[in-house]
Amino acid sequence: MISRRWSRLYLVGIDVSKYKHNGFIATEGGVRFSEFVFQNSQEGFQVFLKQLQALDPHQEIRIGLESTGHYGMNLKQFIAASGYTYLEFNPNKTHQFSKAMSLRRSKTDKVDARVISNLLGIVDYKTLQSSFYHINELKQLVRDRDDIMTNRSKTLNRLTNLIDITFPEYKPFFRNNWGVTALFILKKYHSSVRIAKWTTRDYEQIKSVSMGKMTYPRFNNLRALAAKTVGVRSEIYDQRIQRVILDYEYSDASLQEIDARITELFEHAPSKLRSLPGMGPVMAATIYAEVGNFHLFPSATKLIAYCGYDVSVEQSGLSEHHGKMVKHGPPLLRKAVWTYAFQSLRFIPALHDYYLRKKSEGKHHKVALAAVCRKLIRIIHHIETNQEPFDALSIKQ
């Protein structure tokens, strides 16, 4: 056991696996302080916590582990909840570091824990450490939200297909939009037969639901369309429409609940994304959660590549060809950046002018918008790594 008074910091390396984790604690000089194994359970986590509590609390404690997907999620949350920070390493980085440090081809859990401990001594831990332990929950929530959004869109497509059969004039009457009024009428009256029998009392209720947008002439027009529709009259189809509407309402209620939870969690995140004009809490949370630690990307160029907006390059001899976007990285992150980039044209003059300049150069709309995405990612990288609010005047044209 090494005397604590000679240790200015402790390097805690953890090799994560499915059922157990190997730990290795060394001093700043690389001298072994402790080596242990603990289970992936509450009892095991307490064993790990006792190892940390045995260290001198006046000295810095650095904890590192490999990024191993969901296997380390519970441990990371436990570390953060216990008041410590941690740093995740790319497994390929630890492998290359291990090869550089030794000529021996030995890879075991004990060796990996020691390698991570050694690696902690040479990286910029203060910049790269993770302390916001809700990040994994936030990432799961935004991905669940995207799944619900996709399912809700499919539900509306199913509803459209059924209405095309039973009342094909209905959706064009509402300009092909499924708004509150259109859904309310279908849920309450079920079929074109009942819509054709509307009375003045029905008009008053529909007018109230539509906030006055359903005028009496439009009410009469829809009633007339229902009376002479060419749609199929079928009780089976009418019942299916009701079930689809219930599915839609369930998805819509789930979205409201999950949006509230995302907003609540994101309020604790050390992020400046909300300072971007027109950036809502859910959009900001999606980008933040999918990127994770912005400091893991030393340059905006690397973040652009991670988001999938890098352009492929093919070079042979004196010829060089720039192809399509590589589209690597999380699809949800790429979609979120694309969606906000389109909105940002309304709120950020410099990006709007940049888009028009690309269009004037003969670029297609999508190519010009992809260029806006890359510029936007550079802005996001700057404000997040420097923790500076967005300043429209600082954007270079």
Protein backbone atom coordinates (compact mmCIF):
# COMPACT_ATOMS: atom_id res chain seq x y z
CA MET A 1 0.00 0.00 0.00
CA ILE A 2 1.38 3.40 -1.04
CA SER A 3 1.38 6.24 1.48
CA ARG A 4 -1.29 8.78 0.57
CA ARG A 5 0.87 11.78 1.37
CA TRP A 6 2.96 11.01 -1.72
CA SER A 7 -0.10 10.89 -4.04
CA ARG A 8 -1.34 14.08 -5.67
CA LEU A 9 -4.01 12.26 -7.66
CA TYR A 10 -5.43 8.78 -8.09
CA LEU A 11 -6.03 7.13 -11.47
CA VAL A 12 -8.94 4.67 -11.36
CA GLY A 13 -9.22 2.46 -14.45
CA ILE A 14 -12.27 0.21 -14.89
CA ASP A 15 -12.68 -2.51 -17.47
CA VAL A 16 -16.43 -2.94 -17.99
CA SER A 17 -18.05 -6.25 -18.88
CA LYS A 18 -21.55 -7.68 -18.70
CA TYR A 19 -21.51 -9.35 -15.27
CA LYS A 20 -18.40 -7.99 -13.51
CA HIS A 21 -15.94 -5.13 -13.72
CA ASN A 22 -12.19 -5.05 -13.08
CA GLY A 23 -10.73 -2.05 -11.27
CA PHE A 24 -7.17 -0.77 -11.02
CA ILE A 25 -6.12 2.23 -8.94
CA ALA A 26 -2.67 3.76 -9.31
CA THR A 27 -0.95 6.87 -8.09
CA GLU A 28 0.14 9.71 -10.32
CA GLY A 29 3.52 8.03 -10.73
CA GLY A 30 1.88 4.84 -12.00
CA VAL A 31 2.45 2.85 -8.81
CA ARG A 32 -0.31 0.34 -8.07
CA PHE A 33 -2.51 1.34 -5.15
CA SER A 34 -5.28 -1.25 -5.44
CA GLU A 35 -6.54 -3.94 -7.80
CA PHE A 36 -9.99 -5.48 -7.41
CA VAL A 37 -13.02 -7.08 -9.07
CA PHE A 38 -16.64 -6.11 -8.36
CA GLN A 39 -19.94 -7.45 -9.65
CA ASN A 40 -22.42 -5.54 -11.78
CA SER A 41 -24.86 -5.35 -8.88
CA GLN A 42 -25.71 -3.09 -5.96
CA GLU A 43 -23.42 -5.13 -3.68
CA GLY A 44 -20.63 -4.90 -6.22
CA PHE A 45 -21.08 -1.15 -6.63
CA GLN A 46 -20.76 -0.74 -2.88
CA VAL A 47 -17.45 -2.65 -3.02
CA PHE A 48 -16.28 -0.19 -5.68
CA LEU A 49 -17.49 2.79 -3.62
CA LYS A 50 -15.53 1.59 -0.58
CA GLN A 51 -12.38 1.49 -2.73
CA LEU A 52 -12.97 5.13 -3.68
CA GLN A 53 -13.78 6.19 -0.13
CA ALA A 54 -10.52 4.61 1.07
CA LEU A 55 -8.60 7.16 -1.02
CA ASP A 56 -7.46 10.49 0.37
CA PRO A 57 -10.44 12.85 -0.22
CA HIS A 58 -8.07 15.83 -0.43
CA GLN A 59 -6.48 14.45 -3.58
CA GLU A 60 -7.94 14.45 -7.08
CA ILE A 61 -9.60 11.20 -8.18
CA ARG A 62 -9.82 10.42 -11.88
CA ILE A 63 -12.06 7.59 -13.06
CA GLY A 64 -11.94 6.15 -16.56
CA LEU A 65 -13.74 3.37 -18.41
CA GLU A 66 -14.23 2.23 -21.96
CA SER A 67 -17.36 3.17 -23.89
CA THR A 68 -19.12 -0.20 -24.02
CA GLY A 69 -22.71 0.68 -24.85
CA HIS A 70 -25.36 -0.22 -22.29
CA TYR A 71 -23.09 -2.50 -20.20
CA GLY A 72 -21.60 0.47 -18.37
CA MET A 73 -24.72 2.62 -18.14
CA ASN A 74 -25.67 1.60 -14.58
CA LEU A 75 -22.10 2.03 -13.39
CA LYS A 76 -21.78 5.49 -14.92
CA GLN A 77 -24.99 6.61 -13.27
CA PHE A 78 -23.81 5.21 -9.94
CA ILE A 79 -20.46 7.02 -10.23
CA ALA A 80 -22.15 10.35 -10.95
CA ALA A 81 -24.79 9.87 -8.26
CA SER A 82 -22.01 9.16 -5.75
CA GLY A 83 -20.47 12.56 -6.42
CA TYR A 84 -17.62 11.55 -8.75
CA THR A 85 -16.89 12.26 -12.40
CA TYR A 86 -15.66 9.87 -15.05
CA LEU A 87 -14.14 9.82 -18.51
CA GLU A 88 -15.11 7.42 -21.30
CA PHE A 89 -12.51 6.17 -23.77
CA ASN A 90 -13.02 4.84 -27.24
CA PRO A 91 -12.04 1.11 -27.07
CA ASN A 92 -9.90 1.54 -30.16
CA LYS A 93 -7.97 4.33 -28.45
CA THR A 94 -7.19 2.18 -25.41
CA HIS A 95 -6.16 -0.69 -27.68
CA GLN A 96 -3.74 1.49 -29.64
CA PHE A 97 -2.35 2.94 -26.40
CA SER A 98 -1.83 -0.58 -25.02
CA LYS A 99 0.08 -1.61 -28.16
CA ALA A 100 2.27 1.48 -27.90
CA MET A 101 3.10 0.83 -24.26
CA SER A 102 4.06 -2.83 -24.57
CA LEU A 103 5.34 -5.29 -27.18
CA ARG A 104 3.53 -8.17 -25.49
CA ARG A 105 0.25 -9.29 -27.02
CA SER A 106 -1.70 -9.77 -23.83
CA LYS A 107 -5.27 -8.58 -23.47
CA THR A 108 -7.13 -9.46 -20.29
CA ASP A 109 -9.60 -7.61 -18.11
CA LYS A 110 -6.86 -6.88 -15.57
CA VAL A 111 -4.54 -5.55 -18.26
CA ASP A 112 -7.29 -3.37 -19.76
CA ALA A 113 -8.06 -1.81 -16.38
CA ARG A 114 -4.37 -1.01 -15.91
CA VAL A 115 -4.15 0.47 -19.42
CA ILE A 116 -7.14 2.76 -18.76
CA SER A 117 -5.54 3.87 -15.49
CA ASN A 118 -2.30 4.74 -17.29
CA LEU A 119 -4.21 6.56 -20.02
CA LEU A 120 -5.96 8.76 -17.45
CA GLY A 121 -2.59 10.23 -16.50
CA ILE A 122 -1.92 11.74 -19.94
CA VAL A 123 -5.31 13.09 -21.09
CA ASP A 124 -7.01 16.40 -20.35
CA TYR A 125 -9.37 14.99 -17.75
CA LYS A 126 -10.81 18.30 -16.55
CA THR A 127 -12.02 19.18 -20.04
CA LEU A 128 -13.30 15.77 -21.09
CA GLN A 129 -14.84 14.44 -17.87
CA SER A 130 -18.56 13.66 -17.67
CA SER A 131 -20.65 14.81 -14.73
CA PHE A 132 -24.19 15.10 -16.14
CA TYR A 133 -25.38 11.58 -15.38
CA HIS A 134 -28.86 12.17 -16.84
CA ILE A 135 -27.34 12.18 -20.35
CA ASN A 136 -28.14 8.49 -20.90
CA GLU A 137 -31.72 8.97 -19.76
CA LEU A 138 -32.03 12.00 -22.02
CA LYS A 139 -30.67 10.08 -25.00
CA GLN A 140 -33.15 7.25 -24.39
CA LEU A 141 -36.03 9.72 -24.11
CA VAL A 142 -35.27 11.58 -27.35
CA ARG A 143 -34.94 8.28 -29.20
CA ASP A 144 -38.20 7.01 -27.73
CA ARG A 145 -39.78 10.26 -28.84
CA ASP A 146 -38.55 9.78 -32.37
CA ASP A 147 -40.02 6.26 -32.42
CA ILE A 148 -43.38 7.59 -31.20
CA MET A 149 -43.30 10.34 -33.84
CA THR A 150 -42.65 7.74 -36.53
CA ASN A 151 -45.47 5.51 -35.29
CA ARG A 152 -47.84 8.46 -35.09
CA SER A 153 -47.09 9.36 -38.72
CA LYS A 154 -47.78 5.77 -39.75
CA THR A 155 -51.06 5.89 -37.82
CA LEU A 156 -52.15 9.00 -39.72
CA ASN A 157 -51.25 7.27 -42.98
CA ARG A 158 -53.48 4.33 -42.00
CA LEU A 159 -56.27 6.77 -41.18
CA THR A 160 -55.86 8.48 -44.57
CA ASN A 161 -56.09 5.14 -46.36
CA LEU A 162 -59.32 4.25 -44.55
CA ILE A 163 -60.90 7.66 -45.22
CA ASP A 164 -59.96 7.39 -48.89
CA ILE A 165 -62.19 4.32 -48.98
CA THR A 166 -65.14 5.52 -46.88
CA PHE A 167 -65.20 9.30 -47.48
CA PRO A 168 -62.58 10.34 -50.10
CA GLU A 169 -63.84 13.95 -50.17
CA TYR A 170 -63.17 14.44 -46.46
CA LYS A 171 -59.43 15.06 -46.22
CA PRO A 172 -59.24 17.41 -49.26
CA PHE A 173 -61.97 19.46 -47.58
CA PHE A 174 -59.51 20.07 -44.72
CA ARG A 175 -56.67 20.82 -47.18
CA ASN A 176 -55.16 17.37 -46.56
CA ASN A 177 -54.34 18.21 -42.93
CA TRP A 178 -55.31 16.16 -39.90
CA GLY A 179 -56.09 18.98 -37.50
CA VAL A 180 -58.04 19.02 -34.25
CA THR A 181 -61.37 19.69 -35.98
CA ALA A 182 -60.95 16.97 -38.61
CA LEU A 183 -60.12 14.35 -35.99
CA PHE A 184 -62.88 15.49 -33.62
CA ILE A 185 -65.56 15.12 -36.31
CA LEU A 186 -64.43 11.60 -37.22
CA LYS A 187 -64.26 10.50 -33.59
CA LYS A 188 -67.70 11.88 -32.70
CA TYR A 189 -69.70 11.11 -35.84
CA HIS A 190 -67.89 7.96 -37.08
CA SER A 191 -69.21 7.95 -40.68
CA SER A 192 -70.36 10.04 -43.63
CA VAL A 193 -73.93 8.83 -42.98
CA ARG A 194 -74.08 10.61 -39.62
CA ILE A 195 -72.27 13.70 -40.93
CA ALA A 196 -74.93 14.01 -43.64
CA LYS A 197 -77.59 14.26 -40.88
CA TRP A 198 -75.99 17.18 -39.05
CA THR A 199 -78.22 19.79 -37.38
CA THR A 200 -77.65 23.35 -36.13
CA ARG A 201 -76.79 21.96 -32.69
CA ASP A 202 -73.91 20.00 -34.25
CA TYR A 203 -72.66 23.18 -35.90
CA GLU A 204 -72.40 25.04 -32.59
CA GLN A 205 -70.26 22.28 -31.06
CA ILE A 206 -67.98 21.99 -34.09
CA LYS A 207 -67.63 25.76 -34.28
CA SER A 208 -66.49 25.77 -30.64
CA VAL A 209 -63.92 23.02 -31.22
CA SER A 210 -62.55 24.76 -34.33
CA MET A 211 -62.17 28.08 -32.45
CA GLY A 212 -64.58 29.68 -34.92
CA LYS A 213 -62.74 28.53 -38.06
CA MET A 214 -65.62 26.26 -39.12
CA THR A 215 -68.08 28.76 -40.56
CA TYR A 216 -71.66 27.83 -41.31
CA PRO A 217 -71.15 27.80 -45.11
CA ARG A 218 -68.22 25.37 -44.68
CA PHE A 219 -70.34 23.30 -42.30
CA ASN A 220 -73.04 23.07 -44.97
CA ASN A 221 -70.50 22.18 -47.66
CA LEU A 222 -69.11 19.26 -45.63
CA ARG A 223 -72.64 18.04 -44.88
CA ALA A 224 -73.45 18.11 -48.59
CA LEU A 225 -70.24 16.24 -49.45
CA ALA A 226 -71.14 13.54 -46.94
CA ALA A 227 -74.62 13.15 -48.43
CA LYS A 228 -73.31 12.48 -51.94
CA THR A 229 -69.97 10.82 -51.22
CA VAL A 230 -68.80 7.97 -53.44
CA GLY A 231 -67.16 6.30 -50.46
CA VAL A 232 -67.94 2.79 -49.28
CA ARG A 233 -70.46 2.55 -46.45
CA SER A 234 -69.24 -0.13 -44.10
CA GLU A 235 -69.59 -0.56 -40.35
CA ILE A 236 -66.34 -2.56 -40.31
CA TYR A 237 -64.38 0.33 -41.84
CA ASP A 238 -66.03 2.82 -39.48
CA GLN A 239 -64.93 0.73 -36.48
CA ARG A 240 -61.39 0.49 -37.83
CA ILE A 241 -61.29 4.27 -38.15
CA GLN A 242 -62.23 4.63 -34.48
CA ARG A 243 -59.47 2.24 -33.42
CA VAL A 244 -56.90 4.12 -35.48
CA ILE A 245 -57.98 7.43 -33.93
CA LEU A 246 -57.55 5.91 -30.46
CA ASP A 247 -54.03 4.79 -31.45
CA TYR A 248 -53.27 8.32 -32.60
CA GLU A 249 -54.57 9.87 -29.38
CA TYR A 250 -52.46 7.48 -27.33
CA SER A 251 -49.33 8.42 -29.30
CA ASP A 252 -50.17 12.11 -28.96
CA ALA A 253 -50.60 11.83 -25.18
CA SER A 254 -47.33 9.91 -24.93
CA LEU A 255 -45.55 12.67 -26.85
CA GLN A 256 -46.83 15.35 -24.48
CA GLU A 257 -45.67 13.32 -21.49
CA ILE A 258 -42.23 12.55 -22.94
CA ASP A 259 -41.72 16.17 -24.09
CA ALA A 260 -42.35 17.38 -20.54
CA ARG A 261 -39.83 14.88 -19.16
CA ILE A 262 -37.20 15.81 -21.77
CA THR A 263 -37.62 19.50 -20.98
CA GLU A 264 -37.30 18.81 -17.25
CA LEU A 265 -34.08 16.80 -17.64
CA PHE A 266 -32.52 19.21 -20.13
CA GLU A 267 -32.89 22.12 -17.69
CA HIS A 268 -30.03 20.57 -15.67
CA ALA A 269 -27.72 20.15 -18.67
CA PRO A 270 -24.72 22.52 -18.99
CA SER A 271 -25.71 23.59 -22.50
CA LYS A 272 -26.00 26.87 -24.40
CA LEU A 273 -28.02 25.42 -27.29
CA ARG A 274 -31.19 27.18 -26.17
CA SER A 275 -29.50 30.51 -26.91
CA LEU A 276 -29.83 29.73 -30.64
CA PRO A 277 -32.83 31.60 -32.08
CA GLY A 278 -35.82 29.31 -32.65
CA MET A 279 -34.18 26.37 -30.87
CA GLY A 280 -36.83 24.68 -28.73
CA PRO A 281 -36.04 22.56 -25.65
CA VAL A 282 -36.79 19.21 -27.33
CA MET A 283 -34.67 20.00 -30.40
CA ALA A 284 -31.82 21.26 -28.21
CA ALA A 285 -32.05 18.19 -25.97
CA THR A 286 -31.94 15.89 -28.99
CA ILE A 287 -28.75 17.43 -30.36
CA TYR A 288 -27.16 17.59 -26.91
CA ALA A 289 -28.00 13.99 -26.00
CA GLU A 290 -26.96 12.51 -29.33
CA VAL A 291 -23.58 14.30 -29.31
CA GLY A 292 -22.94 13.68 -25.61
CA ASN A 293 -19.67 15.27 -24.55
CA PHE A 294 -18.82 18.00 -27.07
CA HIS A 295 -15.25 18.12 -25.73
CA LEU A 296 -14.65 14.66 -27.21
CA PHE A 297 -14.51 16.46 -30.58
CA PRO A 298 -11.35 18.62 -30.59
CA SER A 299 -12.49 20.45 -33.71
CA ALA A 300 -15.75 21.36 -35.42
CA THR A 301 -14.60 19.37 -38.46
CA LYS A 302 -14.61 16.17 -36.42
CA LEU A 303 -18.10 16.93 -35.13
CA ILE A 304 -19.28 17.56 -38.69
CA ALA A 305 -17.96 14.13 -39.67
CA TYR A 306 -19.65 12.52 -36.65
CA CYS A 307 -22.97 14.15 -37.58
CA GLY A 308 -22.65 12.67 -41.08
CA TYR A 309 -22.35 15.96 -42.96
CA ASP A 310 -18.80 15.39 -44.16
CA VAL A 311 -18.37 15.15 -47.92
CA SER A 312 -16.72 12.07 -49.39
CA VAL A 313 -13.55 12.68 -51.42
CA GLU A 314 -12.18 10.40 -54.12
CA GLN A 315 -8.67 11.22 -55.32
CA SER A 316 -6.59 9.48 -57.96
CA GLY A 317 -3.47 11.05 -59.42
CA LEU A 318 -4.24 14.61 -60.41
CA SER A 319 -8.02 14.18 -60.30
CA GLU A 320 -10.11 14.82 -57.22
CA HIS A 321 -13.85 14.30 -56.91
CA HIS A 322 -16.08 15.46 -54.05
CA GLY A 323 -19.08 13.18 -53.77
CA LYS A 324 -22.12 12.86 -51.54
CA MET A 325 -22.36 13.27 -47.78
CA VAL A 326 -21.02 10.27 -45.89
CA LYS A 327 -24.09 10.11 -43.59
CA HIS A 328 -22.21 8.45 -40.73
CA GLY A 329 -23.10 8.88 -37.08
CA PRO A 330 -26.47 8.81 -35.29
CA PRO A 331 -29.36 9.21 -37.78
CA LEU A 332 -31.45 11.11 -35.22
CA LEU A 333 -28.65 13.66 -34.73
CA ARG A 334 -28.34 14.19 -38.47
CA LYS A 335 -32.13 14.64 -38.76
CA ALA A 336 -32.25 17.10 -35.86
CA VAL A 337 -29.47 19.26 -37.32
CA TRP A 338 -31.17 19.22 -40.73
CA THR A 339 -34.54 20.20 -39.25
CA TYR A 340 -33.12 23.08 -37.25
CA ALA A 341 -30.93 24.25 -40.15
CA PHE A 342 -34.09 24.72 -42.23
CA GLN A 343 -35.73 26.66 -39.38
CA SER A 344 -32.61 28.74 -38.75
CA LEU A 345 -32.99 30.38 -42.17
CA ARG A 346 -35.90 32.31 -40.66
CA PHE A 347 -34.15 33.35 -37.46
CA ILE A 348 -30.44 33.82 -38.27
CA PRO A 349 -29.84 36.37 -41.07
CA ALA A 350 -26.23 35.26 -41.67
CA LEU A 351 -27.30 31.66 -42.35
CA HIS A 352 -30.13 32.83 -44.61
CA ASP A 353 -27.72 34.94 -46.66
CA TYR A 354 -25.24 32.04 -46.75
CA TYR A 355 -27.98 29.75 -48.08
CA LEU A 356 -28.93 32.25 -50.80
CA ARG A 357 -25.28 32.63 -51.80
CA LYS A 358 -24.98 28.88 -52.27
CA LYS A 359 -28.19 28.87 -54.31
CA SER A 360 -26.84 31.70 -56.49
CA GLU A 361 -23.82 29.49 -57.19
CA GLY A 362 -26.16 26.98 -58.79
CA LYS A 363 -26.41 24.62 -55.82
CA HIS A 364 -29.52 22.50 -55.39
CA HIS A 365 -31.69 23.28 -52.36
CA LYS A 366 -30.52 20.20 -50.46
CA VAL A 367 -26.86 20.86 -51.27
CA ALA A 368 -27.18 24.47 -50.09
CA LEU A 369 -28.97 23.38 -46.92
CA ALA A 370 -26.28 20.77 -46.23
CA ALA A 371 -23.72 23.60 -46.39
CA VAL A 372 -25.84 25.51 -43.87
CA CYS A 373 -25.82 22.40 -41.66
CA ARG A 374 -22.02 22.32 -41.66
CA LYS A 375 -21.84 26.01 -40.78
CA LEU A 376 -24.44 25.50 -38.06
CA ILE A 377 -22.48 22.58 -36.56
CA ARG A 378 -19.42 24.83 -36.34
CA ILE A 379 -21.52 27.37 -34.43
CA ILE A 380 -22.89 24.66 -32.11
CA HIS A 381 -19.41 23.28 -31.47
CA HIS A 382 -18.12 26.74 -30.54
CA ILE A 383 -20.89 27.71 -28.14
CA GLU A 384 -20.90 24.31 -26.42
CA THR A 385 -17.14 23.84 -26.00
CA ASN A 386 -16.66 27.44 -24.88
CA GLN A 387 -19.97 27.65 -23.00
CA GLU A 388 -20.76 30.95 -24.67
CA PRO A 389 -24.31 32.01 -25.63
CA PHE A 390 -25.01 32.44 -29.34
CA ASP A 391 -24.15 35.83 -30.81
CA ALA A 392 -25.48 36.44 -34.32
CA LEU A 393 -23.08 39.32 -34.89
CA SER A 394 -20.05 37.05 -34.41
CA ILE A 395 -20.86 34.79 -37.39
CA LYS A 396 -18.41 35.14 -40.22
CA GLN A 397 -20.05 35.56 -43.60
